[in-house]
Amino acid sequence: MDHHDWTETQRETTVTVDGHDLRYAVYEDGSEHDGPPVVFLHGIPTWSFLWRDAAPALAEHRRVIAPDLVGYGNSANRDGFDRSVRAQTVALADFLAERGVEDVDFVAHDVGGAVALRYAAARPNSVGKLVLSNAACFDSWPVEFINSLGVPGTVEGWDDEELDEQLEFLFADGAYDEADPEWLAGMKAPWEREGGRRALARAAVSTNTNHTTEIDYGEITADLLCLWGGDDVLQPVSQAERLVEATSGDGAVVALADAYHWVTHDRSAAYCDQLVDHLG
């Protein structure tokens, strides 16, 4: 599935956070399955296309929703609103409440993991299972490169060639082996369209480590699986082990070898198998 096909599967709804109406694009299988929905949350600088393999695979067993976080993908990317983890958590809660979702399971990567952790700590009785992959947590983020994108004028000053070089560094160079061309094109697409450079800069400047250091991890009672890219240097496996120790529910770490930060791409088949085993 390429990113054009993925976009065609998405639905739209409106959520309000901090006084702004924000558009969410949603992938949903629509099938009726037992259990609460599984919500997939991407991180920075990706969008729901990150789950192009995992969401459809799990949708054969569970009801699946994969939103674009505000400011990302096909959601609103205009200027003038908060894209931080705190704001994303508020928007997520608004979104789920609007859809009548009380109980939920999460699959989350990178900054999406931080959003899921905040949500689970604030609503421990509402989150049954939590699958985190190379998640932003504690004081492990933001990384230096993302910080640099938030410096005023940096990203906005790039021409098309410079933008492509930086996105190649993020995604192509960040893949364990050669990046799949369809995945690479999809990861780049939102940032290459009109307003994309500004949106990337605003997303970067909204990263704030305080939004994970202040979480009371002991309040999280969800069944936790840390499904990790085992060779990631940005969020190493030690962070997964720390999460299992800090949270109060059952916890396990599965580290997939030959995978960096983009574990859903690097080990797609093994990742999907683990998800279905844990959530299916």
C-alpha atoms as a PDB file:
ATOM      1  CA  MET A   1       0.000   0.000   0.000  1.00  0.00           C
ATOM      2  CA  ASP A   2       1.432   3.406  -0.957  1.00  0.00           C
ATOM      3  CA  HIS A   3       0.630   6.664   0.822  1.00  0.00           C
ATOM      4  CA  HIS A   4      -1.956   7.666  -1.777  1.00  0.00           C
ATOM      5  CA  ASP A   5      -3.890   4.437  -1.145  1.00  0.00           C
ATOM      6  CA  TRP A   6      -3.534   4.915   2.616  1.00  0.00           C
ATOM      7  CA  THR A   7      -4.950   8.430   2.382  1.00  0.00           C
ATOM      8  CA  GLU A   8      -7.942   7.087   0.455  1.00  0.00           C
ATOM      9  CA  THR A   9      -8.766   4.780   3.382  1.00  0.00           C
ATOM     10  CA  GLN A  10      -8.774   7.616   5.897  1.00  0.00           C
ATOM     11  CA  ARG A  11     -11.841   9.268   7.360  1.00  0.00           C
ATOM     12  CA  GLU A  12     -12.067  12.732   8.857  1.00  0.00           C
ATOM     13  CA  THR A  13     -13.510  14.062  12.070  1.00  0.00           C
ATOM     14  CA  THR A  14     -13.071  17.258  14.063  1.00  0.00           C
ATOM     15  CA  VAL A  15     -11.648  17.604  17.546  1.00  0.00           C
ATOM     16  CA  THR A  16     -11.117  20.741  19.567  1.00  0.00           C
ATOM     17  CA  VAL A  17      -8.084  21.412  21.725  1.00  0.00           C
ATOM     18  CA  ASP A  18      -7.062  24.729  23.272  1.00  0.00           C
ATOM     19  CA  GLY A  19      -9.786  26.530  21.322  1.00  0.00           C
ATOM     20  CA  HIS A  20      -8.723  25.294  17.871  1.00  0.00           C
ATOM     21  CA  ASP A  21     -10.714  22.979  15.611  1.00  0.00           C
ATOM     22  CA  LEU A  22      -8.285  20.382  14.303  1.00  0.00           C
ATOM     23  CA  ARG A  23      -8.877  17.819  11.589  1.00  0.00           C
ATOM     24  CA  TYR A  24      -8.028  14.192  12.241  1.00  0.00           C
ATOM     25  CA  ALA A  25      -7.687  11.688   9.408  1.00  0.00           C
ATOM     26  CA  VAL A  26      -8.539   8.188  10.564  1.00  0.00           C
ATOM     27  CA  TYR A  27      -7.817   4.720   9.221  1.00  0.00           C
ATOM     28  CA  GLU A  28     -10.422   2.240  10.483  1.00  0.00           C
ATOM     29  CA  ASP A  29     -11.184  -1.252   9.266  1.00  0.00           C
ATOM     30  CA  GLY A  30     -14.815  -0.923  10.348  1.00  0.00           C
ATOM     31  CA  SER A  31     -15.134  -4.594  11.236  1.00  0.00           C
ATOM     32  CA  GLU A  32     -16.968  -5.618  14.388  1.00  0.00           C
ATOM     33  CA  HIS A  33     -14.617  -7.424  16.752  1.00  0.00           C
ATOM     34  CA  ASP A  34     -14.711  -8.195  20.447  1.00  0.00           C
ATOM     35  CA  GLY A  35     -12.818  -5.971  22.839  1.00  0.00           C
ATOM     36  CA  PRO A  36     -11.989  -2.277  22.858  1.00  0.00           C
ATOM     37  CA  PRO A  37     -10.514  -0.573  19.810  1.00  0.00           C
ATOM     38  CA  VAL A  38      -6.769  -0.485  19.303  1.00  0.00           C
ATOM     39  CA  VAL A  39      -5.513   3.035  18.624  1.00  0.00           C
ATOM     40  CA  PHE A  40      -2.206   3.404  16.777  1.00  0.00           C
ATOM     41  CA  LEU A  41      -0.178   6.533  17.581  1.00  0.00           C
ATOM     42  CA  HIS A  42       2.810   7.599  15.477  1.00  0.00           C
ATOM     43  CA  GLY A  43       5.600   9.974  16.517  1.00  0.00           C
ATOM     44  CA  ILE A  44       7.804  12.708  15.075  1.00  0.00           C
ATOM     45  CA  PRO A  45       8.350  13.194  12.148  1.00  0.00           C
ATOM     46  CA  THR A  46       6.005  10.503  10.826  1.00  0.00           C
ATOM     47  CA  TRP A  47       2.236  10.068  10.385  1.00  0.00           C
ATOM     48  CA  SER A  48      -0.261   7.215  10.450  1.00  0.00           C
ATOM     49  CA  PHE A  49       1.255   5.736   7.264  1.00  0.00           C
ATOM     50  CA  LEU A  50       3.907   4.390   9.649  1.00  0.00           C
ATOM     51  CA  TRP A  51       1.318   1.673  10.408  1.00  0.00           C
ATOM     52  CA  ARG A  52       0.626   0.696   6.769  1.00  0.00           C
ATOM     53  CA  ASP A  53       1.467  -2.974   7.501  1.00  0.00           C
ATOM     54  CA  ALA A  54       0.671  -3.282  11.200  1.00  0.00           C
ATOM     55  CA  ALA A  55      -2.787  -1.678  11.283  1.00  0.00           C
ATOM     56  CA  PRO A  56      -4.331  -3.786   8.474  1.00  0.00           C
ATOM     57  CA  ALA A  57      -2.771  -6.957   9.925  1.00  0.00           C
ATOM     58  CA  LEU A  58      -4.296  -6.326  13.347  1.00  0.00           C
ATOM     59  CA  ALA A  59      -7.585  -5.133  11.834  1.00  0.00           C
ATOM     60  CA  GLU A  60      -8.274  -8.732  10.851  1.00  0.00           C
ATOM     61  CA  HIS A  61      -8.639  -9.424  14.588  1.00  0.00           C
ATOM     62  CA  ARG A  62      -9.451  -6.140  16.308  1.00  0.00           C
ATOM     63  CA  ARG A  63     -11.155  -2.818  15.627  1.00  0.00           C
ATOM     64  CA  VAL A  64      -8.354  -0.420  14.642  1.00  0.00           C
ATOM     65  CA  ILE A  65      -8.093   3.368  14.546  1.00  0.00           C
ATOM     66  CA  ALA A  66      -4.919   5.108  13.329  1.00  0.00           C
ATOM     67  CA  PRO A  67      -5.172   8.913  13.541  1.00  0.00           C
ATOM     68  CA  ASP A  68      -2.718  11.500  12.324  1.00  0.00           C
ATOM     69  CA  LEU A  69      -1.640  13.546  15.325  1.00  0.00           C
ATOM     70  CA  VAL A  70      -2.490  17.227  15.083  1.00  0.00           C
ATOM     71  CA  GLY A  71       0.000  19.013  12.849  1.00  0.00           C
ATOM     72  CA  TYR A  72       1.038  15.762  11.143  1.00  0.00           C
ATOM     73  CA  GLY A  73       0.096  13.854   8.011  1.00  0.00           C
ATOM     74  CA  ASN A  74      -3.326  14.807   6.709  1.00  0.00           C
ATOM     75  CA  SER A  75      -4.443  16.528   9.903  1.00  0.00           C
ATOM     76  CA  ALA A  76      -4.420  20.322  10.132  1.00  0.00           C
ATOM     77  CA  ASN A  77      -0.897  21.707   9.698  1.00  0.00           C
ATOM     78  CA  ARG A  78      -1.564  25.437   9.822  1.00  0.00           C
ATOM     79  CA  ASP A  79       0.209  27.734  12.243  1.00  0.00           C
ATOM     80  CA  GLY A  80      -0.961  28.914  15.634  1.00  0.00           C
ATOM     81  CA  PHE A  81      -1.718  25.864  17.770  1.00  0.00           C
ATOM     82  CA  ASP A  82       0.025  23.635  20.283  1.00  0.00           C
ATOM     83  CA  ARG A  83       1.502  20.371  18.961  1.00  0.00           C
ATOM     84  CA  SER A  84       3.115  19.255  22.227  1.00  0.00           C
ATOM     85  CA  VAL A  85       2.651  15.871  23.885  1.00  0.00           C
ATOM     86  CA  ARG A  86       0.371  17.486  26.454  1.00  0.00           C
ATOM     87  CA  ALA A  87      -1.833  18.988  23.731  1.00  0.00           C
ATOM     88  CA  GLN A  88      -1.812  15.792  21.692  1.00  0.00           C
ATOM     89  CA  THR A  89      -3.056  13.889  24.769  1.00  0.00           C
ATOM     90  CA  VAL A  90      -5.905  16.360  25.247  1.00  0.00           C
ATOM     91  CA  ALA A  91      -6.808  16.087  21.563  1.00  0.00           C
ATOM     92  CA  LEU A  92      -6.690  12.284  21.762  1.00  0.00           C
ATOM     93  CA  ALA A  93      -9.017  12.252  24.778  1.00  0.00           C
ATOM     94  CA  ASP A  94     -11.412  14.589  22.966  1.00  0.00           C
ATOM     95  CA  PHE A  95     -11.271  12.430  19.856  1.00  0.00           C
ATOM     96  CA  LEU A  96     -11.992   9.189  21.733  1.00  0.00           C
ATOM     97  CA  ALA A  97     -14.781  10.768  23.776  1.00  0.00           C
ATOM     98  CA  GLU A  98     -16.395  12.055  20.584  1.00  0.00           C
ATOM     99  CA  ARG A  99     -16.388   8.515  19.222  1.00  0.00           C
ATOM    100  CA  GLY A 100     -17.833   7.097  22.455  1.00  0.00           C
ATOM    101  CA  VAL A 101     -14.661   5.138  23.258  1.00  0.00           C
ATOM    102  CA  GLU A 102     -14.168   4.541  26.982  1.00  0.00           C
ATOM    103  CA  ASP A 103     -11.855   1.517  27.038  1.00  0.00           C
ATOM    104  CA  VAL A 104      -8.908   1.371  24.663  1.00  0.00           C
ATOM    105  CA  ASP A 105      -5.658  -0.422  23.873  1.00  0.00           C
ATOM    106  CA  PHE A 106      -2.703   1.449  22.346  1.00  0.00           C
ATOM    107  CA  VAL A 107       0.108   0.692  19.936  1.00  0.00           C
ATOM    108  CA  ALA A 108       2.484   3.641  19.897  1.00  0.00           C
ATOM    109  CA  HIS A 109       5.879   4.648  18.530  1.00  0.00           C
ATOM    110  CA  ASP A 110       8.266   7.482  19.426  1.00  0.00           C
ATOM    111  CA  VAL A 111       6.370  10.607  20.611  1.00  0.00           C
ATOM    112  CA  GLY A 112       3.120   8.694  20.143  1.00  0.00           C
ATOM    113  CA  GLY A 113       4.396   6.515  22.984  1.00  0.00           C
ATOM    114  CA  ALA A 114       4.678   9.574  25.198  1.00  0.00           C
ATOM    115  CA  VAL A 115       1.067  10.475  24.386  1.00  0.00           C
ATOM    116  CA  ALA A 116      -0.095   6.941  25.189  1.00  0.00           C
ATOM    117  CA  LEU A 117       1.839   6.943  28.466  1.00  0.00           C
ATOM    118  CA  ARG A 118       0.304  10.249  29.587  1.00  0.00           C
ATOM    119  CA  TYR A 119      -3.163   9.010  28.668  1.00  0.00           C
ATOM    120  CA  ALA A 120      -2.666   5.683  30.480  1.00  0.00           C
ATOM    121  CA  ALA A 121      -1.308   7.344  33.626  1.00  0.00           C
ATOM    122  CA  ALA A 122      -4.275   9.738  33.810  1.00  0.00           C
ATOM    123  CA  ARG A 123      -6.874   7.022  33.003  1.00  0.00           C
ATOM    124  CA  PRO A 124      -5.448   3.723  34.285  1.00  0.00           C
ATOM    125  CA  ASN A 125      -8.830   2.001  34.333  1.00  0.00           C
ATOM    126  CA  SER A 126      -9.437   2.803  30.646  1.00  0.00           C
ATOM    127  CA  VAL A 127      -6.271   1.324  29.103  1.00  0.00           C
ATOM    128  CA  GLY A 128      -6.023  -2.456  29.121  1.00  0.00           C
ATOM    129  CA  LYS A 129      -3.033  -3.167  26.886  1.00  0.00           C
ATOM    130  CA  LEU A 130      -0.169  -0.947  25.837  1.00  0.00           C
ATOM    131  CA  VAL A 131       2.357  -1.796  23.109  1.00  0.00           C
ATOM    132  CA  LEU A 132       5.198   0.720  22.964  1.00  0.00           C
ATOM    133  CA  SER A 133       7.914   0.794  20.328  1.00  0.00           C
ATOM    134  CA  ASN A 134      11.067   2.882  20.747  1.00  0.00           C
ATOM    135  CA  ALA A 135       8.946   5.359  22.679  1.00  0.00           C
ATOM    136  CA  ALA A 136       9.826   8.798  23.993  1.00  0.00           C
ATOM    137  CA  CYS A 137       9.784   8.435  27.766  1.00  0.00           C
ATOM    138  CA  PHE A 138      11.388   9.784  30.930  1.00  0.00           C
ATOM    139  CA  ASP A 139      14.169  12.223  29.903  1.00  0.00           C
ATOM    140  CA  SER A 140      15.234  10.269  26.794  1.00  0.00           C
ATOM    141  CA  TRP A 141      14.134  12.879  24.259  1.00  0.00           C
ATOM    142  CA  PRO A 142      14.083  15.064  22.186  1.00  0.00           C
ATOM    143  CA  VAL A 143      17.162  14.099  20.205  1.00  0.00           C
ATOM    144  CA  GLU A 144      19.591  16.761  18.995  1.00  0.00           C
ATOM    145  CA  PHE A 145      18.601  16.563  15.328  1.00  0.00           C
ATOM    146  CA  ILE A 146      14.912  17.154  16.072  1.00  0.00           C
ATOM    147  CA  ASN A 147      15.833  20.031  18.371  1.00  0.00           C
ATOM    148  CA  SER A 148      17.779  21.627  15.533  1.00  0.00           C
ATOM    149  CA  LEU A 149      14.681  21.610  13.294  1.00  0.00           C
ATOM    150  CA  GLY A 150      12.918  23.910  15.741  1.00  0.00           C
ATOM    151  CA  VAL A 151      15.474  26.718  15.436  1.00  0.00           C
ATOM    152  CA  PRO A 152      13.562  29.611  13.801  1.00  0.00           C
ATOM    153  CA  GLY A 153      14.159  29.862  10.067  1.00  0.00           C
ATOM    154  CA  THR A 154      16.106  26.609   9.743  1.00  0.00           C
ATOM    155  CA  VAL A 155      13.584  24.340   8.033  1.00  0.00           C
ATOM    156  CA  GLU A 156      11.706  27.200   6.358  1.00  0.00           C
ATOM    157  CA  GLY A 157      14.995  28.267   4.772  1.00  0.00           C
ATOM    158  CA  TRP A 158      15.642  24.982   3.003  1.00  0.00           C
ATOM    159  CA  ASP A 159      15.118  24.755  -0.740  1.00  0.00           C
ATOM    160  CA  ASP A 160      13.627  21.578  -2.229  1.00  0.00           C
ATOM    161  CA  GLU A 161      16.998  19.887  -2.579  1.00  0.00           C
ATOM    162  CA  GLU A 162      17.989  20.600   1.041  1.00  0.00           C
ATOM    163  CA  LEU A 163      14.607  19.388   2.308  1.00  0.00           C
ATOM    164  CA  ASP A 164      14.986  16.135   0.396  1.00  0.00           C
ATOM    165  CA  GLU A 165      18.521  15.632   1.742  1.00  0.00           C
ATOM    166  CA  GLN A 166      17.346  16.051   5.330  1.00  0.00           C
ATOM    167  CA  LEU A 167      14.368  13.723   4.860  1.00  0.00           C
ATOM    168  CA  GLU A 168      16.660  11.150   3.244  1.00  0.00           C
ATOM    169  CA  PHE A 169      18.897  11.384   6.317  1.00  0.00           C
ATOM    170  CA  LEU A 170      15.922  10.860   8.618  1.00  0.00           C
ATOM    171  CA  PHE A 171      14.273   7.972   6.827  1.00  0.00           C
ATOM    172  CA  ALA A 172      16.553   6.358   4.220  1.00  0.00           C
ATOM    173  CA  ASP A 173      19.719   6.567   6.300  1.00  0.00           C
ATOM    174  CA  GLY A 174      17.686   5.672   9.406  1.00  0.00           C
ATOM    175  CA  ALA A 175      16.495   2.345   7.980  1.00  0.00           C
ATOM    176  CA  TYR A 176      18.446  -0.768   8.944  1.00  0.00           C
ATOM    177  CA  ASP A 177      18.722  -1.979   5.349  1.00  0.00           C
ATOM    178  CA  GLU A 178      17.734  -0.232   2.122  1.00  0.00           C
ATOM    179  CA  ALA A 179      14.524   1.722   2.669  1.00  0.00           C
ATOM    180  CA  ASP A 180      11.434   0.528   0.810  1.00  0.00           C
ATOM    181  CA  PRO A 181      10.736   3.202  -1.844  1.00  0.00           C
ATOM    182  CA  GLU A 182       6.977   3.313  -1.147  1.00  0.00           C
ATOM    183  CA  TRP A 183       7.556   3.714   2.590  1.00  0.00           C
ATOM    184  CA  LEU A 184      10.190   6.373   1.993  1.00  0.00           C
ATOM    185  CA  ALA A 185       7.936   8.359  -0.363  1.00  0.00           C
ATOM    186  CA  GLY A 186       5.103   8.139   2.137  1.00  0.00           C
ATOM    187  CA  MET A 187       7.191   9.348   5.056  1.00  0.00           C
ATOM    188  CA  LYS A 188       8.396  12.339   3.045  1.00  0.00           C
ATOM    189  CA  ALA A 189       5.072  13.316   1.476  1.00  0.00           C
ATOM    190  CA  PRO A 190       3.446  15.469   4.214  1.00  0.00           C
ATOM    191  CA  TRP A 191       6.554  17.587   4.651  1.00  0.00           C
ATOM    192  CA  GLU A 192       7.016  18.149   0.897  1.00  0.00           C
ATOM    193  CA  ARG A 193       3.587  19.676   0.319  1.00  0.00           C
ATOM    194  CA  GLU A 194       2.691  23.334   0.807  1.00  0.00           C
ATOM    195  CA  GLY A 195       3.112  24.310   4.456  1.00  0.00           C
ATOM    196  CA  GLY A 196       5.128  21.175   5.205  1.00  0.00           C
ATOM    197  CA  ARG A 197       8.363  22.915   6.151  1.00  0.00           C
ATOM    198  CA  ARG A 198       6.564  25.165   8.619  1.00  0.00           C
ATOM    199  CA  ALA A 199       4.639  22.208  10.050  1.00  0.00           C
ATOM    200  CA  LEU A 200       7.885  20.268  10.572  1.00  0.00           C
ATOM    201  CA  ALA A 201       9.480  23.199  12.358  1.00  0.00           C
ATOM    202  CA  ARG A 202       6.423  23.681  14.600  1.00  0.00           C
ATOM    203  CA  ALA A 203       6.344  19.978  15.454  1.00  0.00           C
ATOM    204  CA  ALA A 204      10.034  20.058  16.386  1.00  0.00           C
ATOM    205  CA  VAL A 205       9.766  23.137  18.582  1.00  0.00           C
ATOM    206  CA  SER A 206       6.821  21.555  20.441  1.00  0.00           C
ATOM    207  CA  THR A 207       8.928  18.704  21.827  1.00  0.00           C
ATOM    208  CA  ASN A 208       9.262  19.065  25.597  1.00  0.00           C
ATOM    209  CA  THR A 209      10.896  16.488  27.853  1.00  0.00           C
ATOM    210  CA  ASN A 210       8.946  17.824  30.841  1.00  0.00           C
ATOM    211  CA  HIS A 211       5.832  16.226  29.384  1.00  0.00           C
ATOM    212  CA  THR A 212       7.265  12.771  30.079  1.00  0.00           C
ATOM    213  CA  THR A 213       9.391  13.407  33.176  1.00  0.00           C
ATOM    214  CA  GLU A 214       6.250  14.558  35.019  1.00  0.00           C
ATOM    215  CA  ILE A 215       4.302  11.332  34.297  1.00  0.00           C
ATOM    216  CA  ASP A 216       3.562   9.171  37.329  1.00  0.00           C
ATOM    217  CA  TYR A 217       4.555   5.895  35.690  1.00  0.00           C
ATOM    218  CA  GLY A 218       3.485   3.896  38.736  1.00  0.00           C
ATOM    219  CA  GLU A 219      -0.140   4.827  37.965  1.00  0.00           C
ATOM    220  CA  ILE A 220      -0.003   2.878  34.687  1.00  0.00           C
ATOM    221  CA  THR A 221      -1.611  -0.530  35.216  1.00  0.00           C
ATOM    222  CA  ALA A 222      -1.938  -1.610  31.565  1.00  0.00           C
ATOM    223  CA  ASP A 223      -0.463  -4.889  30.340  1.00  0.00           C
ATOM    224  CA  LEU A 224       2.713  -3.487  28.755  1.00  0.00           C
ATOM    225  CA  LEU A 225       4.661  -4.932  25.849  1.00  0.00           C
ATOM    226  CA  CYS A 226       7.748  -3.001  24.822  1.00  0.00           C
ATOM    227  CA  LEU A 227       8.182  -4.163  21.216  1.00  0.00           C
ATOM    228  CA  TRP A 228      11.483  -2.524  20.425  1.00  0.00           C
ATOM    229  CA  GLY A 229      13.953  -2.069  17.604  1.00  0.00           C
ATOM    230  CA  GLY A 230      16.880  -3.752  19.285  1.00  0.00           C
ATOM    231  CA  ASP A 231      19.628  -1.727  17.590  1.00  0.00           C
ATOM    232  CA  ASP A 232      18.139   1.738  18.101  1.00  0.00           C
ATOM    233  CA  VAL A 233      20.633   4.258  19.494  1.00  0.00           C
ATOM    234  CA  LEU A 234      18.018   7.024  19.922  1.00  0.00           C
ATOM    235  CA  GLN A 235      15.775   5.039  22.285  1.00  0.00           C
ATOM    236  CA  PRO A 236      17.851   2.023  23.358  1.00  0.00           C
ATOM    237  CA  VAL A 237      16.389  -1.171  24.814  1.00  0.00           C
ATOM    238  CA  SER A 238      17.427  -0.001  28.278  1.00  0.00           C
ATOM    239  CA  GLN A 239      14.577   2.523  28.115  1.00  0.00           C
ATOM    240  CA  ALA A 240      12.129  -0.331  27.477  1.00  0.00           C
ATOM    241  CA  GLU A 241      13.463  -2.191  30.505  1.00  0.00           C
ATOM    242  CA  ARG A 242      13.123   0.975  32.568  1.00  0.00           C
ATOM    243  CA  LEU A 243       9.488   1.345  31.490  1.00  0.00           C
ATOM    244  CA  VAL A 244       8.639  -2.206  32.531  1.00  0.00           C
ATOM    245  CA  GLU A 245      10.230  -1.566  35.933  1.00  0.00           C
ATOM    246  CA  ALA A 246       8.450   1.762  36.448  1.00  0.00           C
ATOM    247  CA  THR A 247       4.889   0.756  35.523  1.00  0.00           C
ATOM    248  CA  SER A 248       2.570  -1.272  37.757  1.00  0.00           C
ATOM    249  CA  GLY A 249       0.997  -3.772  35.334  1.00  0.00           C
ATOM    250  CA  ASP A 250       2.425  -6.894  33.763  1.00  0.00           C
ATOM    251  CA  GLY A 251       5.336  -6.027  31.498  1.00  0.00           C
ATOM    252  CA  ALA A 252       7.652  -7.617  28.965  1.00  0.00           C
ATOM    253  CA  VAL A 253      10.354  -6.518  26.552  1.00  0.00           C
ATOM    254  CA  VAL A 254      10.698  -8.025  23.066  1.00  0.00           C
ATOM    255  CA  ALA A 255      13.709  -6.611  21.216  1.00  0.00           C
ATOM    256  CA  LEU A 256      13.709  -7.285  17.474  1.00  0.00           C
ATOM    257  CA  ALA A 257      17.247  -7.654  16.142  1.00  0.00           C
ATOM    258  CA  ASP A 258      18.341  -5.932  12.934  1.00  0.00           C
ATOM    259  CA  ALA A 259      16.045  -2.965  13.567  1.00  0.00           C
ATOM    260  CA  TYR A 260      16.794   0.665  14.328  1.00  0.00           C
ATOM    261  CA  HIS A 261      14.261   3.334  15.349  1.00  0.00           C
ATOM    262  CA  TRP A 262      11.945   2.559  12.402  1.00  0.00           C
ATOM    263  CA  VAL A 263      11.241  -0.948  13.699  1.00  0.00           C
ATOM    264  CA  THR A 264       7.829  -1.117  11.973  1.00  0.00           C
ATOM    265  CA  HIS A 265       9.681  -0.805   8.649  1.00  0.00           C
ATOM    266  CA  ASP A 266      12.879  -2.697   9.438  1.00  0.00           C
ATOM    267  CA  ARG A 267      11.152  -5.823  10.798  1.00  0.00           C
ATOM    268  CA  SER A 268       7.633  -5.449   9.455  1.00  0.00           C
ATOM    269  CA  ALA A 269       6.624  -9.130   9.372  1.00  0.00           C
ATOM    270  CA  ALA A 270       8.010  -9.949  12.821  1.00  0.00           C
ATOM    271  CA  TYR A 271       6.452  -6.784  14.216  1.00  0.00           C
ATOM    272  CA  CYS A 272       3.007  -7.701  12.861  1.00  0.00           C
ATOM    273  CA  ASP A 273       3.307 -11.238  14.218  1.00  0.00           C
ATOM    274  CA  GLN A 274       4.098  -9.941  17.699  1.00  0.00           C
ATOM    275  CA  LEU A 275       1.174  -7.498  17.597  1.00  0.00           C
ATOM    276  CA  VAL A 276      -1.316 -10.179  16.572  1.00  0.00           C
ATOM    277  CA  ASP A 277       0.012 -12.531  19.266  1.00  0.00           C
ATOM    278  CA  HIS A 278      -0.331  -9.871  21.963  1.00  0.00           C
ATOM    279  CA  LEU A 279      -3.521  -8.111  20.857  1.00  0.00           C
ATOM    280  CA  GLY A 280      -5.270 -10.402  18.399  1.00  0.00           C
END
